[in-house]
Each structure stands twice: as structure tokens, then as C-alpha cells.
């Protein structure tokens, strides 16, 4: 038998057949996984958005309570009447009779309801909560609502005390 030349190799197939499990995923399998991942991402985003709205509501309640307490403290310290003016239509409030009279916003997703005495209304949508030098106030109840959550901020008329309550909408 003649010897094979040195530059010739025996022919072999360059592609070896793979076992059935090692061939990879089909397009349908990949699409199913992508659909499941998209559905899970949508659920997570929905829950995250709800958590943000709840945090926004809680922050708005704390902010307005802080502004009310500050106005009361300024009235007592300076012996001058101060007020917090709340506009339920634009969902904004501002302080009057203090150095900071800029407008503050309750939040994009926060609904505002205000109950106070008739004489405190400046217009159909705007009212002021006044604080007097002795610490008393005109009194008010502000309800902030977002989705299924709500906070009620009460201002006592006799003492001017400001309290936040967790409340159900309604």
C-alpha cells in the first residue's frame, strides 16, 4: 500500500452532530421567556408606581403640617398674625406673614379637600388658616387623598395644635 503524502490528511467531517439537548433554544422558547419577563416587569412597575404615590402623599401631609406648625410658631414668636393659604384647585399652598411666601405644591397625584370656617375663604377654591399671637387659630381640616390612601391634617382652633391622622378616603 502506498504511503500517503505528508500534506494530505484523512478526510473528516468538520461539523460534528451535537446531542439533541446541546443544540440551544428555539425561537418560540425565547419568545415565551421574553413575554414572561415583560409581564413581570409590568407588575413590578405598577407596584413601584403605587409606592411612589404613597410616598408622595405622606410627604405632602408632613410638608403642610410642618408649614402650619411653622406659621403658628412665627405668630407666637413675633406677636403678629400669620396664615397658611391653601388653594384646593391648583393644589398649592403658601405662607403669609413670614419671610417665606413662595408657593408650595402638594404633589401631582394628591387631591386636596379643605374644611374651615366661612370667613376664612378668600374665593371658591382658596382659604386661609390664620394663626394668632396667643397660638390659637381659625381651625381647619385638610384631607389629602391619593388612590386608596388618605391623610387628614387637623388644626385645632383653640390651641392651634396641628395633628396628622391616617384616614381612609371618603
C-alpha atoms as a PDB file:
ATOM      1  CA  UNK A   1       0.000   0.000   0.000  1.00  0.00           C
ATOM      2  CA  UNK A   2       1.442   3.336  -0.963  1.00  0.00           C
ATOM      3  CA  UNK A   3       2.153   5.782   1.822  1.00  0.00           C
ATOM      4  CA  UNK A   4       0.034   8.887   1.998  1.00  0.00           C
ATOM      5  CA  UNK A   5       1.771  12.107   1.164  1.00  0.00           C
ATOM      6  CA  UNK A   6       2.702  14.205   4.228  1.00  0.00           C
ATOM      7  CA  UNK A   7       0.496  17.136   3.220  1.00  0.00           C
ATOM      8  CA  UNK A   8      -2.623  15.024   2.881  1.00  0.00           C
ATOM      9  CA  UNK A   9      -4.722  14.230   5.867  1.00  0.00           C
ATOM     10  CA  UNK A  10      -7.502  11.796   6.050  1.00  0.00           C
ATOM     11  CA  UNK A  11     -10.841  13.470   5.399  1.00  0.00           C
ATOM     12  CA  UNK A  12     -13.039  14.111   8.381  1.00  0.00           C
ATOM     13  CA  UNK A  13     -16.278  15.937   8.727  1.00  0.00           C
ATOM     14  CA  UNK A  14     -15.622  19.434  10.138  1.00  0.00           C
ATOM     15  CA  UNK A  15     -19.126  19.595  11.655  1.00  0.00           C
ATOM     16  CA  UNK A  16     -19.873  17.052  14.290  1.00  0.00           C
ATOM     17  CA  UNK A  17     -23.504  16.338  15.104  1.00  0.00           C
ATOM     18  CA  UNK A  18     -24.453  17.624  18.582  1.00  0.00           C
ATOM     19  CA  UNK A  19     -26.501  15.697  21.037  1.00  0.00           C
ATOM     20  CA  UNK A  20     -30.174  16.768  20.962  1.00  0.00           C
ATOM     21  CA  UNK A  21     -30.014  18.756  24.294  1.00  0.00           C
ATOM     22  CA  UNK A  22     -26.961  20.790  23.270  1.00  0.00           C
ATOM     23  CA  UNK A  23     -28.485  22.467  20.209  1.00  0.00           C
ATOM     24  CA  UNK A  24     -29.841  25.598  22.021  1.00  0.00           C
ATOM     25  CA  UNK A  25     -33.265  27.179  22.341  1.00  0.00           C
ATOM     26  CA  UNK A  26     -35.914  27.529  19.704  1.00  0.00           C
ATOM     27  CA  UNK A  27     -37.302  30.917  18.741  1.00  0.00           C
ATOM     28  CA  UNK A  28     -40.632  30.076  20.370  1.00  0.00           C
ATOM     29  CA  UNK A  29     -38.932  29.232  23.658  1.00  0.00           C
ATOM     30  CA  UNK A  30     -37.086  32.559  23.607  1.00  0.00           C
ATOM     31  CA  UNK A  31     -40.287  34.468  22.817  1.00  0.00           C
ATOM     32  CA  UNK A  32     -42.138  32.784  25.685  1.00  0.00           C
ATOM     33  CA  UNK A  33     -39.372  33.785  28.091  1.00  0.00           C
ATOM     34  CA  UNK A  34     -39.459  37.386  26.805  1.00  0.00           C
ATOM     35  CA  UNK A  35     -43.248  37.577  27.239  1.00  0.00           C
ATOM     36  CA  UNK A  36     -42.983  36.286  30.820  1.00  0.00           C
ATOM     37  CA  UNK A  37     -40.211  38.797  31.610  1.00  0.00           C
ATOM     38  CA  UNK A  38     -42.261  41.674  30.148  1.00  0.00           C
ATOM     39  CA  UNK A  39     -45.301  40.683  32.223  1.00  0.00           C
ATOM     40  CA  UNK A  40     -43.208  40.559  35.402  1.00  0.00           C
ATOM     41  CA  UNK A  41     -41.636  43.939  34.612  1.00  0.00           C
ATOM     42  CA  UNK A  42     -45.117  45.419  34.162  1.00  0.00           C
ATOM     43  CA  UNK A  43     -46.239  44.084  37.546  1.00  0.00           C
ATOM     44  CA  UNK A  44     -43.148  45.462  39.276  1.00  0.00           C
ATOM     45  CA  UNK A  45     -43.587  48.877  37.619  1.00  0.00           C
ATOM     46  CA  UNK A  46     -47.235  49.053  38.709  1.00  0.00           C
ATOM     47  CA  UNK A  47     -46.382  48.256  42.311  1.00  0.00           C
ATOM     48  CA  UNK A  48     -43.479  50.712  42.265  1.00  0.00           C
ATOM     49  CA  UNK A  49     -45.723  53.490  40.933  1.00  0.00           C
ATOM     50  CA  UNK A  50     -48.205  52.852  43.746  1.00  0.00           C
ATOM     51  CA  UNK A  51     -45.416  53.026  46.305  1.00  0.00           C
ATOM     52  CA  UNK A  52     -44.258  56.348  44.869  1.00  0.00           C
ATOM     53  CA  UNK A  53     -47.773  57.793  45.076  1.00  0.00           C
ATOM     54  CA  UNK A  54     -47.980  56.694  48.724  1.00  0.00           C
ATOM     55  CA  UNK A  55     -44.630  58.313  49.497  1.00  0.00           C
ATOM     56  CA  UNK A  56     -45.713  61.490  47.713  1.00  0.00           C
ATOM     57  CA  UNK A  57     -48.918  61.605  49.794  1.00  0.00           C
ATOM     58  CA  UNK A  58     -47.068  61.069  53.071  1.00  0.00           C
ATOM     59  CA  UNK A  59     -44.517  63.756  52.157  1.00  0.00           C
ATOM     60  CA  UNK A  60     -47.303  66.205  51.251  1.00  0.00           C
ATOM     61  CA  UNK A  61     -49.025  65.610  54.614  1.00  0.00           C
ATOM     62  CA  UNK A  62     -45.791  66.177  56.505  1.00  0.00           C
ATOM     63  CA  UNK A  63     -44.950  69.284  54.474  1.00  0.00           C
ATOM     64  CA  UNK A  64     -48.278  71.042  55.048  1.00  0.00           C
ATOM     65  CA  UNK A  65     -48.260  70.080  58.744  1.00  0.00           C
ATOM     66  CA  UNK A  66     -44.756  71.494  59.027  1.00  0.00           C
ATOM     67  CA  UNK A  67     -45.818  74.726  57.309  1.00  0.00           C
ATOM     68  CA  UNK A  68     -48.816  75.046  59.655  1.00  0.00           C
ATOM     69  CA  UNK A  69     -46.629  74.474  62.725  1.00  0.00           C
ATOM     70  CA  UNK A  70     -44.093  76.971  61.441  1.00  0.00           C
ATOM     71  CA  UNK A  71     -46.805  79.606  60.873  1.00  0.00           C
ATOM     72  CA  UNK A  72     -48.121  79.083  64.409  1.00  0.00           C
ATOM     73  CA  UNK A  73     -44.624  79.361  65.872  1.00  0.00           C
ATOM     74  CA  UNK A  74     -43.954  82.574  63.924  1.00  0.00           C
ATOM     75  CA  UNK A  75     -47.236  84.099  65.104  1.00  0.00           C
ATOM     76  CA  UNK A  76     -46.345  83.416  68.738  1.00  0.00           C
ATOM     77  CA  UNK A  77     -42.688  84.479  68.397  1.00  0.00           C
ATOM     78  CA  UNK A  78     -43.318  87.722  66.506  1.00  0.00           C
ATOM     79  CA  UNK A  79     -46.685  88.511  68.135  1.00  0.00           C
ATOM     80  CA  UNK A  80     -48.116  89.034  64.635  1.00  0.00           C
ATOM     81  CA  UNK A  81     -50.854  87.123  62.847  1.00  0.00           C
ATOM     82  CA  UNK A  82     -49.638  84.653  60.203  1.00  0.00           C
ATOM     83  CA  UNK A  83     -51.559  82.425  57.819  1.00  0.00           C
ATOM     84  CA  UNK A  84     -51.245  79.465  55.522  1.00  0.00           C
ATOM     85  CA  UNK A  85     -53.259  79.989  52.329  1.00  0.00           C
ATOM     86  CA  UNK A  86     -54.436  76.780  50.652  1.00  0.00           C
ATOM     87  CA  UNK A  87     -55.754  76.585  47.091  1.00  0.00           C
ATOM     88  CA  UNK A  88     -57.584  73.283  46.546  1.00  0.00           C
ATOM     89  CA  UNK A  89     -57.947  73.797  42.789  1.00  0.00           C
ATOM     90  CA  UNK A  90     -54.244  74.299  41.995  1.00  0.00           C
ATOM     91  CA  UNK A  91     -53.195  72.020  44.897  1.00  0.00           C
ATOM     92  CA  UNK A  92     -50.791  74.636  46.245  1.00  0.00           C
ATOM     93  CA  UNK A  93     -50.246  76.497  49.499  1.00  0.00           C
ATOM     94  CA  UNK A  94     -48.212  79.451  50.684  1.00  0.00           C
ATOM     95  CA  UNK A  95     -47.424  81.203  53.931  1.00  0.00           C
ATOM     96  CA  UNK A  96     -48.441  84.792  54.610  1.00  0.00           C
ATOM     97  CA  UNK A  97     -46.795  86.948  57.245  1.00  0.00           C
ATOM     98  CA  UNK A  98     -43.460  85.110  57.170  1.00  0.00           C
ATOM     99  CA  UNK A  99     -40.197  85.579  55.313  1.00  0.00           C
ATOM    100  CA  UNK A 100     -41.016  82.617  53.024  1.00  0.00           C
ATOM    101  CA  UNK A 101     -44.106  83.440  50.980  1.00  0.00           C
ATOM    102  CA  UNK A 102     -43.368  81.274  47.925  1.00  0.00           C
ATOM    103  CA  UNK A 103     -45.900  78.708  46.744  1.00  0.00           C
ATOM    104  CA  UNK A 104     -45.517  75.040  47.612  1.00  0.00           C
ATOM    105  CA  UNK A 105     -47.169  72.195  45.728  1.00  0.00           C
ATOM    106  CA  UNK A 106     -48.934  69.249  47.375  1.00  0.00           C
ATOM    107  CA  UNK A 107     -47.982  66.797  44.614  1.00  0.00           C
ATOM    108  CA  UNK A 108     -49.132  65.682  41.189  1.00  0.00           C
ATOM    109  CA  UNK A 109     -51.223  62.762  42.399  1.00  0.00           C
ATOM    110  CA  UNK A 110     -52.531  64.315  45.625  1.00  0.00           C
ATOM    111  CA  UNK A 111     -56.128  65.513  45.893  1.00  0.00           C
ATOM    112  CA  UNK A 112     -56.858  68.259  48.433  1.00  0.00           C
ATOM    113  CA  UNK A 113     -60.010  68.971  50.426  1.00  0.00           C
ATOM    114  CA  UNK A 114     -60.271  71.798  52.964  1.00  0.00           C
ATOM    115  CA  UNK A 115     -62.885  72.440  55.660  1.00  0.00           C
ATOM    116  CA  UNK A 116     -62.705  75.683  57.632  1.00  0.00           C
ATOM    117  CA  UNK A 117     -64.964  78.486  58.769  1.00  0.00           C
ATOM    118  CA  UNK A 118     -66.878  80.556  56.217  1.00  0.00           C
ATOM    119  CA  UNK A 119     -64.948  83.782  56.928  1.00  0.00           C
ATOM    120  CA  UNK A 120     -61.606  82.134  56.068  1.00  0.00           C
ATOM    121  CA  UNK A 121     -62.482  81.575  52.409  1.00  0.00           C
ATOM    122  CA  UNK A 122     -60.814  84.038  50.054  1.00  0.00           C
ATOM    123  CA  UNK A 123     -62.524  82.579  46.962  1.00  0.00           C
ATOM    124  CA  UNK A 124     -64.377  79.413  45.955  1.00  0.00           C
ATOM    125  CA  UNK A 125     -61.112  77.440  45.864  1.00  0.00           C
ATOM    126  CA  UNK A 126     -58.850  79.273  48.291  1.00  0.00           C
ATOM    127  CA  UNK A 127     -58.938  79.713  52.059  1.00  0.00           C
ATOM    128  CA  UNK A 128     -56.552  80.815  54.756  1.00  0.00           C
ATOM    129  CA  UNK A 129     -55.805  79.202  58.077  1.00  0.00           C
ATOM    130  CA  UNK A 130     -54.835  82.053  60.382  1.00  0.00           C
ATOM    131  CA  UNK A 131     -52.689  81.801  63.495  1.00  0.00           C
ATOM    132  CA  UNK A 132     -52.858  84.461  66.216  1.00  0.00           C
ATOM    133  CA  UNK A 133     -50.182  85.739  68.645  1.00  0.00           C
ATOM    134  CA  UNK A 134     -51.661  83.689  71.516  1.00  0.00           C
ATOM    135  CA  UNK A 135     -51.176  80.454  69.497  1.00  0.00           C
ATOM    136  CA  UNK A 136     -54.847  79.963  68.637  1.00  0.00           C
ATOM    137  CA  UNK A 137     -56.082  79.658  65.068  1.00  0.00           C
ATOM    138  CA  UNK A 138     -59.164  79.788  62.892  1.00  0.00           C
ATOM    139  CA  UNK A 139     -59.034  75.983  62.811  1.00  0.00           C
ATOM    140  CA  UNK A 140     -59.259  73.736  59.764  1.00  0.00           C
ATOM    141  CA  UNK A 141     -59.207  70.207  58.436  1.00  0.00           C
ATOM    142  CA  UNK A 142     -57.176  69.402  55.338  1.00  0.00           C
ATOM    143  CA  UNK A 143     -57.655  65.997  53.744  1.00  0.00           C
ATOM    144  CA  UNK A 144     -55.067  64.745  51.254  1.00  0.00           C
ATOM    145  CA  UNK A 145     -56.031  61.761  49.085  1.00  0.00           C
ATOM    146  CA  UNK A 146     -54.097  59.623  46.619  1.00  0.00           C
ATOM    147  CA  UNK A 147     -55.586  56.362  45.365  1.00  0.00           C
ATOM    148  CA  UNK A 148     -56.815  54.341  48.338  1.00  0.00           C
ATOM    149  CA  UNK A 149     -54.724  56.261  50.890  1.00  0.00           C
ATOM    150  CA  UNK A 150     -55.537  59.472  52.711  1.00  0.00           C
ATOM    151  CA  UNK A 151     -54.188  61.696  55.458  1.00  0.00           C
ATOM    152  CA  UNK A 152     -56.166  64.200  57.483  1.00  0.00           C
ATOM    153  CA  UNK A 153     -54.423  67.222  58.977  1.00  0.00           C
ATOM    154  CA  UNK A 154     -56.392  68.824  61.800  1.00  0.00           C
ATOM    155  CA  UNK A 155     -55.694  72.333  63.116  1.00  0.00           C
ATOM    156  CA  UNK A 156     -57.401  72.912  66.463  1.00  0.00           C
ATOM    157  CA  UNK A 157     -58.912  76.388  66.728  1.00  0.00           C
ATOM    158  CA  UNK A 158     -58.353  76.911  70.461  1.00  0.00           C
ATOM    159  CA  UNK A 159     -54.724  75.815  70.742  1.00  0.00           C
ATOM    160  CA  UNK A 160     -53.553  75.907  67.108  1.00  0.00           C
ATOM    161  CA  UNK A 161     -52.240  72.367  67.549  1.00  0.00           C
ATOM    162  CA  UNK A 162     -51.569  70.538  64.258  1.00  0.00           C
ATOM    163  CA  UNK A 163     -52.043  66.766  64.043  1.00  0.00           C
ATOM    164  CA  UNK A 164     -51.769  64.275  61.177  1.00  0.00           C
ATOM    165  CA  UNK A 165     -54.122  61.285  61.039  1.00  0.00           C
ATOM    166  CA  UNK A 166     -54.057  58.331  58.687  1.00  0.00           C
ATOM    167  CA  UNK A 167     -57.540  58.304  57.158  1.00  0.00           C
ATOM    168  CA  UNK A 168     -59.485  56.275  54.615  1.00  0.00           C
ATOM    169  CA  UNK A 169     -60.799  58.269  51.640  1.00  0.00           C
ATOM    170  CA  UNK A 170     -64.440  59.094  51.758  1.00  0.00           C
END
